[in-house]
């Protein structure tokens, strides 16, 4: 009888252990500017994730998708910003050399947490 209990306990522990990593994907919890938000000329973009990120598996791209007064504006990748991770590894900050100009932007992010599984997403925001 003791053998059956040990076997059941082992199976239960294995099942719980196998489901753990699948739920450990890093997810974007919040951002500043907020998704679909409108802000005054920000000097940084802050991304907060659900878990500690592995820095070598995390990053972001910033693209200006429209500019006031330019109907045929092509998407323009913003370069020259630096990326910093918080001490707890859950917050990624994109620090601009100068404030963003008026227009619409899209942040495209990718991140890997403890399981190193790559997650990605994007969101727009507008600068007045």
N, C-alpha and C. Protein backbone atom coordinates (compact mmCIF):
# COMPACT_ATOMS: atom_id res chain seq x y z
N UNK A 1 0.82 -1.20 0.00
CA UNK A 1 0.00 0.00 0.00
C UNK A 1 0.87 1.26 0.00
N UNK A 2 1.96 1.22 0.77
CA UNK A 2 2.86 2.36 0.84
C UNK A 2 3.48 2.63 -0.54
N UNK A 3 3.75 1.59 -1.31
CA UNK A 3 4.32 1.73 -2.64
C UNK A 3 3.36 2.47 -3.57
N UNK A 4 2.07 2.18 -3.46
CA UNK A 4 1.07 2.85 -4.31
C UNK A 4 1.03 4.35 -3.98
N UNK A 5 1.06 4.68 -2.69
CA UNK A 5 1.06 6.09 -2.30
C UNK A 5 2.32 6.80 -2.80
N UNK A 6 3.45 6.15 -2.69
CA UNK A 6 4.70 6.74 -3.19
C UNK A 6 4.64 6.96 -4.70
N UNK A 7 4.08 5.98 -5.42
CA UNK A 7 3.95 6.08 -6.87
C UNK A 7 3.01 7.23 -7.24
N UNK A 8 1.87 7.33 -6.56
CA UNK A 8 0.92 8.42 -6.83
C UNK A 8 1.54 9.78 -6.51
N UNK A 9 2.26 9.87 -5.41
CA UNK A 9 2.92 11.13 -5.04
C UNK A 9 3.95 11.53 -6.08
N UNK A 10 4.71 10.56 -6.58
CA UNK A 10 5.71 10.84 -7.61
C UNK A 10 5.06 11.32 -8.90
N UNK A 11 3.99 10.65 -9.31
CA UNK A 11 3.28 11.06 -10.53
C UNK A 11 2.71 12.47 -10.37
N UNK A 12 2.15 12.77 -9.22
CA UNK A 12 1.59 14.10 -8.97
C UNK A 12 2.68 15.17 -9.01
N UNK A 13 3.81 14.91 -8.38
CA UNK A 13 4.91 15.88 -8.40
C UNK A 13 5.45 16.09 -9.81
N UNK A 14 5.56 15.02 -10.57
CA UNK A 14 6.02 15.16 -11.96
C UNK A 14 5.04 15.97 -12.79
N UNK A 15 3.76 15.73 -12.60
CA UNK A 15 2.74 16.48 -13.35
C UNK A 15 2.78 17.96 -13.00
N UNK A 16 2.91 18.27 -11.72
CA UNK A 16 3.00 19.68 -11.32
C UNK A 16 4.27 20.33 -11.82
N UNK A 17 5.36 19.61 -11.78
CA UNK A 17 6.64 20.14 -12.27
C UNK A 17 6.62 20.38 -13.76
N UNK A 18 5.97 19.54 -14.52
CA UNK A 18 5.92 19.69 -15.97
C UNK A 18 5.06 20.87 -16.38
N UNK A 19 4.05 21.22 -15.59
CA UNK A 19 3.18 22.33 -15.98
C UNK A 19 3.78 23.67 -15.59
N UNK A 20 4.75 23.70 -14.67
CA UNK A 20 5.35 24.95 -14.20
C UNK A 20 5.99 25.77 -15.29
N UNK A 21 6.96 25.24 -16.07
CA UNK A 21 7.63 26.04 -17.08
C UNK A 21 6.68 26.58 -18.16
N UNK A 22 5.64 25.85 -18.47
CA UNK A 22 4.72 26.31 -19.51
C UNK A 22 4.00 27.59 -19.09
N UNK A 23 3.86 27.78 -17.78
CA UNK A 23 3.17 28.97 -17.30
C UNK A 23 4.14 30.10 -17.01
N UNK A 24 5.43 29.90 -17.25
CA UNK A 24 6.45 30.87 -16.87
C UNK A 24 6.82 31.83 -17.99
N UNK A 25 5.96 32.03 -18.95
CA UNK A 25 6.27 32.94 -20.04
C UNK A 25 6.16 34.39 -19.58
N UNK A 26 7.14 35.20 -19.99
CA UNK A 26 7.12 36.62 -19.65
C UNK A 26 6.02 37.32 -20.44
N UNK A 27 5.21 38.10 -19.75
CA UNK A 27 4.13 38.85 -20.38
C UNK A 27 4.29 40.33 -20.04
N UNK A 28 3.92 41.18 -20.97
CA UNK A 28 3.95 42.62 -20.71
C UNK A 28 2.77 42.95 -19.79
N UNK A 29 3.06 43.54 -18.63
CA UNK A 29 2.04 43.86 -17.64
C UNK A 29 1.55 45.30 -17.83
N UNK A 30 2.49 46.21 -18.09
CA UNK A 30 2.12 47.62 -18.27
C UNK A 30 3.23 48.34 -19.03
N UNK A 31 2.90 49.53 -19.49
CA UNK A 31 3.90 50.34 -20.20
C UNK A 31 3.61 51.81 -19.96
N UNK A 32 4.68 52.60 -20.11
CA UNK A 32 4.56 54.06 -20.08
C UNK A 32 5.37 54.57 -21.26
N UNK A 33 4.73 55.17 -22.24
CA UNK A 33 3.32 55.45 -22.41
C UNK A 33 2.50 54.16 -22.48
N UNK A 34 1.24 54.28 -22.08
CA UNK A 34 0.33 53.14 -22.12
C UNK A 34 -0.06 52.82 -23.56
N UNK A 35 -0.38 51.57 -23.79
CA UNK A 35 -0.86 51.15 -25.11
C UNK A 35 -2.05 52.02 -25.51
N UNK A 36 -2.03 52.53 -26.71
CA UNK A 36 -3.08 53.39 -27.27
C UNK A 36 -3.22 54.73 -26.56
N UNK A 37 -2.25 55.07 -25.72
CA UNK A 37 -2.30 56.33 -24.98
C UNK A 37 -1.75 57.49 -25.78
N UNK A 38 -1.98 58.69 -25.27
CA UNK A 38 -1.45 59.92 -25.86
C UNK A 38 -0.67 60.65 -24.77
N UNK A 39 0.55 61.04 -25.11
CA UNK A 39 1.44 61.67 -24.13
C UNK A 39 2.13 62.89 -24.73
N UNK A 40 2.73 63.71 -23.86
CA UNK A 40 3.54 64.85 -24.29
C UNK A 40 4.99 64.40 -24.41
N UNK A 41 5.57 64.49 -25.54
CA UNK A 41 6.99 64.29 -25.84
C UNK A 41 7.80 63.52 -24.78
N UNK A 42 7.63 62.21 -24.70
CA UNK A 42 8.35 61.42 -23.69
C UNK A 42 9.84 61.28 -24.03
N UNK A 43 10.65 61.15 -23.00
CA UNK A 43 12.07 60.92 -23.17
C UNK A 43 12.45 59.47 -22.94
N UNK A 44 11.44 58.66 -22.58
CA UNK A 44 11.69 57.24 -22.37
C UNK A 44 10.40 56.45 -22.54
N UNK A 45 10.58 55.15 -22.78
CA UNK A 45 9.46 54.21 -22.85
C UNK A 45 9.80 53.12 -21.83
N UNK A 46 8.85 52.83 -20.94
CA UNK A 46 9.07 51.86 -19.88
C UNK A 46 8.14 50.67 -20.07
N UNK A 47 8.71 49.46 -20.08
CA UNK A 47 7.96 48.23 -20.25
C UNK A 47 8.12 47.39 -18.98
N UNK A 48 7.01 47.00 -18.36
CA UNK A 48 7.05 46.21 -17.13
C UNK A 48 6.50 44.82 -17.44
N UNK A 49 7.26 43.79 -17.07
CA UNK A 49 6.90 42.42 -17.38
C UNK A 49 6.50 41.64 -16.13
N UNK A 50 5.88 40.50 -16.36
CA UNK A 50 5.34 39.67 -15.28
C UNK A 50 6.41 38.90 -14.51
N UNK A 51 7.59 38.79 -15.06
CA UNK A 51 8.67 38.06 -14.40
C UNK A 51 10.01 38.61 -14.83
N UNK A 52 11.05 38.18 -14.14
CA UNK A 52 12.41 38.59 -14.46
C UNK A 52 12.77 38.12 -15.86
N UNK A 53 13.34 39.02 -16.65
CA UNK A 53 13.74 38.69 -18.01
C UNK A 53 15.21 38.29 -18.06
N UNK A 54 15.53 37.46 -19.03
CA UNK A 54 16.93 37.16 -19.32
C UNK A 54 17.37 38.23 -20.30
N UNK A 55 18.27 39.10 -19.90
CA UNK A 55 18.65 40.27 -20.69
C UNK A 55 19.06 39.92 -22.12
N UNK A 56 19.74 38.81 -22.31
CA UNK A 56 20.18 38.45 -23.67
C UNK A 56 19.01 38.02 -24.56
N UNK A 57 17.83 37.77 -23.97
CA UNK A 57 16.65 37.39 -24.74
C UNK A 57 15.58 38.48 -24.71
N UNK A 58 15.97 39.73 -24.43
CA UNK A 58 14.99 40.80 -24.31
C UNK A 58 15.44 42.04 -25.09
N UNK A 59 14.48 42.73 -25.68
CA UNK A 59 14.78 43.95 -26.40
C UNK A 59 13.53 44.57 -26.97
N UNK A 60 13.69 45.69 -27.63
CA UNK A 60 12.55 46.39 -28.21
C UNK A 60 12.98 47.22 -29.40
N UNK A 61 12.02 47.48 -30.25
CA UNK A 61 12.21 48.33 -31.42
C UNK A 61 11.13 49.40 -31.35
N UNK A 62 11.47 50.60 -31.75
CA UNK A 62 10.52 51.71 -31.76
C UNK A 62 10.43 52.24 -33.18
N UNK A 63 9.19 52.33 -33.69
CA UNK A 63 8.96 52.78 -35.05
C UNK A 63 7.96 53.92 -35.05
N UNK A 64 8.29 55.02 -35.75
CA UNK A 64 7.34 56.11 -35.94
C UNK A 64 6.48 55.73 -37.13
N UNK A 65 5.17 55.59 -36.92
CA UNK A 65 4.29 55.11 -37.98
C UNK A 65 3.53 56.22 -38.70
N UNK A 66 3.43 57.39 -38.09
CA UNK A 66 2.82 58.53 -38.78
C UNK A 66 3.30 59.83 -38.16
N UNK A 67 3.26 60.88 -38.98
CA UNK A 67 3.73 62.20 -38.54
C UNK A 67 2.69 63.23 -38.97
N UNK A 68 2.33 64.16 -38.08
CA UNK A 68 1.35 65.19 -38.44
C UNK A 68 1.76 65.96 -39.69
N UNK A 69 0.81 66.17 -40.60
CA UNK A 69 1.07 66.94 -41.80
C UNK A 69 1.74 66.17 -42.92
N UNK A 70 2.02 64.90 -42.72
CA UNK A 70 2.67 64.09 -43.75
C UNK A 70 1.83 62.83 -44.00
N UNK A 71 0.89 62.94 -44.91
CA UNK A 71 -0.03 61.84 -45.18
C UNK A 71 0.67 60.59 -45.69
N UNK A 72 1.74 60.73 -46.45
CA UNK A 72 2.44 59.58 -47.03
C UNK A 72 3.68 59.18 -46.24
N UNK A 73 3.70 59.49 -44.96
CA UNK A 73 4.86 59.17 -44.12
C UNK A 73 5.06 57.66 -44.05
N UNK A 74 6.22 57.20 -44.42
CA UNK A 74 6.56 55.78 -44.31
C UNK A 74 7.03 55.48 -42.89
N UNK A 75 6.79 54.26 -42.38
CA UNK A 75 7.29 53.92 -41.05
C UNK A 75 8.80 54.16 -40.96
N UNK A 76 9.21 54.76 -39.86
CA UNK A 76 10.61 55.12 -39.68
C UNK A 76 11.11 54.55 -38.34
N UNK A 77 12.10 53.67 -38.42
CA UNK A 77 12.67 53.07 -37.23
C UNK A 77 13.45 54.13 -36.45
N UNK A 78 13.17 54.22 -35.15
CA UNK A 78 13.86 55.16 -34.28
C UNK A 78 15.11 54.46 -33.75
N UNK A 79 16.26 55.10 -33.91
CA UNK A 79 17.52 54.54 -33.45
C UNK A 79 18.17 55.49 -32.44
N UNK A 80 19.25 55.06 -31.87
CA UNK A 80 20.02 55.93 -30.99
C UNK A 80 19.56 55.94 -29.55
N UNK A 81 18.59 55.10 -29.18
CA UNK A 81 18.20 55.04 -27.78
C UNK A 81 18.99 53.91 -27.10
N UNK A 82 19.09 53.99 -25.78
CA UNK A 82 19.74 52.92 -25.03
C UNK A 82 18.68 52.16 -24.26
N UNK A 83 19.00 50.92 -23.93
CA UNK A 83 18.07 50.07 -23.19
C UNK A 83 18.68 49.74 -21.84
N UNK A 84 17.89 49.89 -20.78
CA UNK A 84 18.36 49.58 -19.43
C UNK A 84 17.37 48.64 -18.76
N UNK A 85 17.88 47.70 -17.98
CA UNK A 85 17.05 46.77 -17.21
C UNK A 85 17.09 47.19 -15.74
N UNK A 86 15.96 47.03 -15.07
CA UNK A 86 15.89 47.34 -13.64
C UNK A 86 16.65 46.28 -12.84
N UNK A 87 16.92 46.58 -11.59
CA UNK A 87 17.66 45.65 -10.72
C UNK A 87 16.93 44.32 -10.57
N UNK A 88 15.59 44.35 -10.54
CA UNK A 88 14.84 43.10 -10.38
C UNK A 88 14.63 42.37 -11.72
N UNK A 89 15.05 42.98 -12.83
CA UNK A 89 14.98 42.34 -14.13
C UNK A 89 13.60 42.30 -14.76
N UNK A 90 12.61 42.96 -14.15
CA UNK A 90 11.25 42.94 -14.67
C UNK A 90 10.89 44.17 -15.51
N UNK A 91 11.73 45.19 -15.48
CA UNK A 91 11.42 46.43 -16.17
C UNK A 91 12.52 46.78 -17.17
N UNK A 92 12.11 47.02 -18.41
CA UNK A 92 13.03 47.43 -19.47
C UNK A 92 12.68 48.88 -19.81
N UNK A 93 13.70 49.74 -19.83
CA UNK A 93 13.48 51.15 -20.14
C UNK A 93 14.27 51.52 -21.39
N UNK A 94 13.58 52.12 -22.35
CA UNK A 94 14.22 52.65 -23.56
C UNK A 94 14.44 54.13 -23.30
N UNK A 95 15.70 54.54 -23.23
CA UNK A 95 16.05 55.93 -22.92
C UNK A 95 16.42 56.66 -24.21
N UNK A 96 15.63 57.67 -24.56
CA UNK A 96 15.84 58.44 -25.78
C UNK A 96 16.94 59.48 -25.59
N UNK A 97 17.66 59.79 -26.66
CA UNK A 97 18.66 60.86 -26.60
C UNK A 97 17.96 62.21 -26.49
N UNK A 98 16.78 62.30 -27.10
CA UNK A 98 15.95 63.51 -26.98
C UNK A 98 14.49 63.08 -27.03
N UNK A 99 13.62 63.94 -26.58
CA UNK A 99 12.20 63.62 -26.51
C UNK A 99 11.65 63.26 -27.90
N UNK A 100 10.70 62.36 -27.92
CA UNK A 100 10.09 61.96 -29.19
C UNK A 100 9.25 63.08 -29.77
N UNK A 101 9.31 63.24 -31.08
CA UNK A 101 8.53 64.27 -31.79
C UNK A 101 7.06 63.84 -31.89
N UNK A 102 6.21 64.80 -32.21
CA UNK A 102 4.78 64.51 -32.39
C UNK A 102 4.59 63.48 -33.49
N UNK A 103 3.67 62.57 -33.25
CA UNK A 103 3.36 61.53 -34.23
C UNK A 103 2.84 60.27 -33.54
N UNK A 104 2.68 59.22 -34.32
CA UNK A 104 2.22 57.94 -33.79
C UNK A 104 3.38 56.96 -33.86
N UNK A 105 3.52 56.17 -32.82
CA UNK A 105 4.63 55.23 -32.69
C UNK A 105 4.11 53.83 -32.39
N UNK A 106 4.96 52.85 -32.69
CA UNK A 106 4.67 51.47 -32.33
C UNK A 106 5.91 50.91 -31.63
N UNK A 107 5.68 50.31 -30.47
CA UNK A 107 6.73 49.60 -29.75
C UNK A 107 6.58 48.12 -30.08
N UNK A 108 7.65 47.51 -30.54
CA UNK A 108 7.68 46.07 -30.79
C UNK A 108 8.69 45.48 -29.81
N UNK A 109 8.23 44.63 -28.90
CA UNK A 109 9.10 44.08 -27.88
C UNK A 109 9.21 42.57 -28.01
N UNK A 110 10.30 42.04 -27.47
CA UNK A 110 10.46 40.59 -27.34
C UNK A 110 11.16 40.34 -26.01
N UNK A 111 10.82 39.21 -25.40
CA UNK A 111 11.37 38.94 -24.07
C UNK A 111 11.35 37.45 -23.80
N UNK A 112 12.35 37.00 -23.07
CA UNK A 112 12.42 35.62 -22.60
C UNK A 112 12.62 35.63 -21.10
N UNK A 113 11.82 34.83 -20.40
CA UNK A 113 11.94 34.72 -18.95
C UNK A 113 12.79 33.53 -18.56
N UNK A 114 12.50 32.97 -17.41
CA UNK A 114 13.28 31.86 -16.86
C UNK A 114 13.32 30.65 -17.79
N UNK A 115 12.26 30.42 -18.54
CA UNK A 115 12.23 29.26 -19.43
C UNK A 115 12.87 29.56 -20.79
N UNK A 116 13.32 30.80 -21.01
CA UNK A 116 13.97 31.25 -22.24
C UNK A 116 13.05 31.18 -23.45
N UNK A 117 11.76 30.97 -23.25
CA UNK A 117 10.81 30.96 -24.36
C UNK A 117 10.57 32.39 -24.80
N UNK A 118 10.75 32.66 -26.07
CA UNK A 118 10.61 34.02 -26.60
C UNK A 118 9.13 34.40 -26.73
N UNK A 119 8.78 35.49 -26.10
CA UNK A 119 7.45 36.08 -26.22
C UNK A 119 7.64 37.41 -26.92
N UNK A 120 6.64 37.86 -27.65
CA UNK A 120 6.74 39.14 -28.32
C UNK A 120 5.37 39.78 -28.44
N UNK A 121 5.39 41.06 -28.67
CA UNK A 121 4.14 41.81 -28.83
C UNK A 121 4.44 43.21 -29.31
N UNK A 122 3.39 43.97 -29.49
CA UNK A 122 3.55 45.36 -29.91
C UNK A 122 2.35 46.17 -29.46
N UNK A 123 2.53 47.47 -29.42
CA UNK A 123 1.43 48.37 -29.10
C UNK A 123 1.74 49.75 -29.63
N UNK A 124 0.69 50.50 -29.98
CA UNK A 124 0.89 51.88 -30.46
C UNK A 124 0.67 52.90 -29.34
N UNK A 125 1.24 54.07 -29.54
CA UNK A 125 0.92 55.24 -28.70
C UNK A 125 1.15 56.48 -29.54
N UNK A 126 0.61 57.59 -29.08
CA UNK A 126 0.67 58.85 -29.82
C UNK A 126 1.37 59.92 -28.96
N UNK A 127 2.20 60.71 -29.61
CA UNK A 127 2.83 61.85 -28.96
C UNK A 127 2.19 63.12 -29.52
N UNK A 128 1.71 63.99 -28.61
CA UNK A 128 1.05 65.24 -29.01
C UNK A 128 2.04 66.18 -29.68
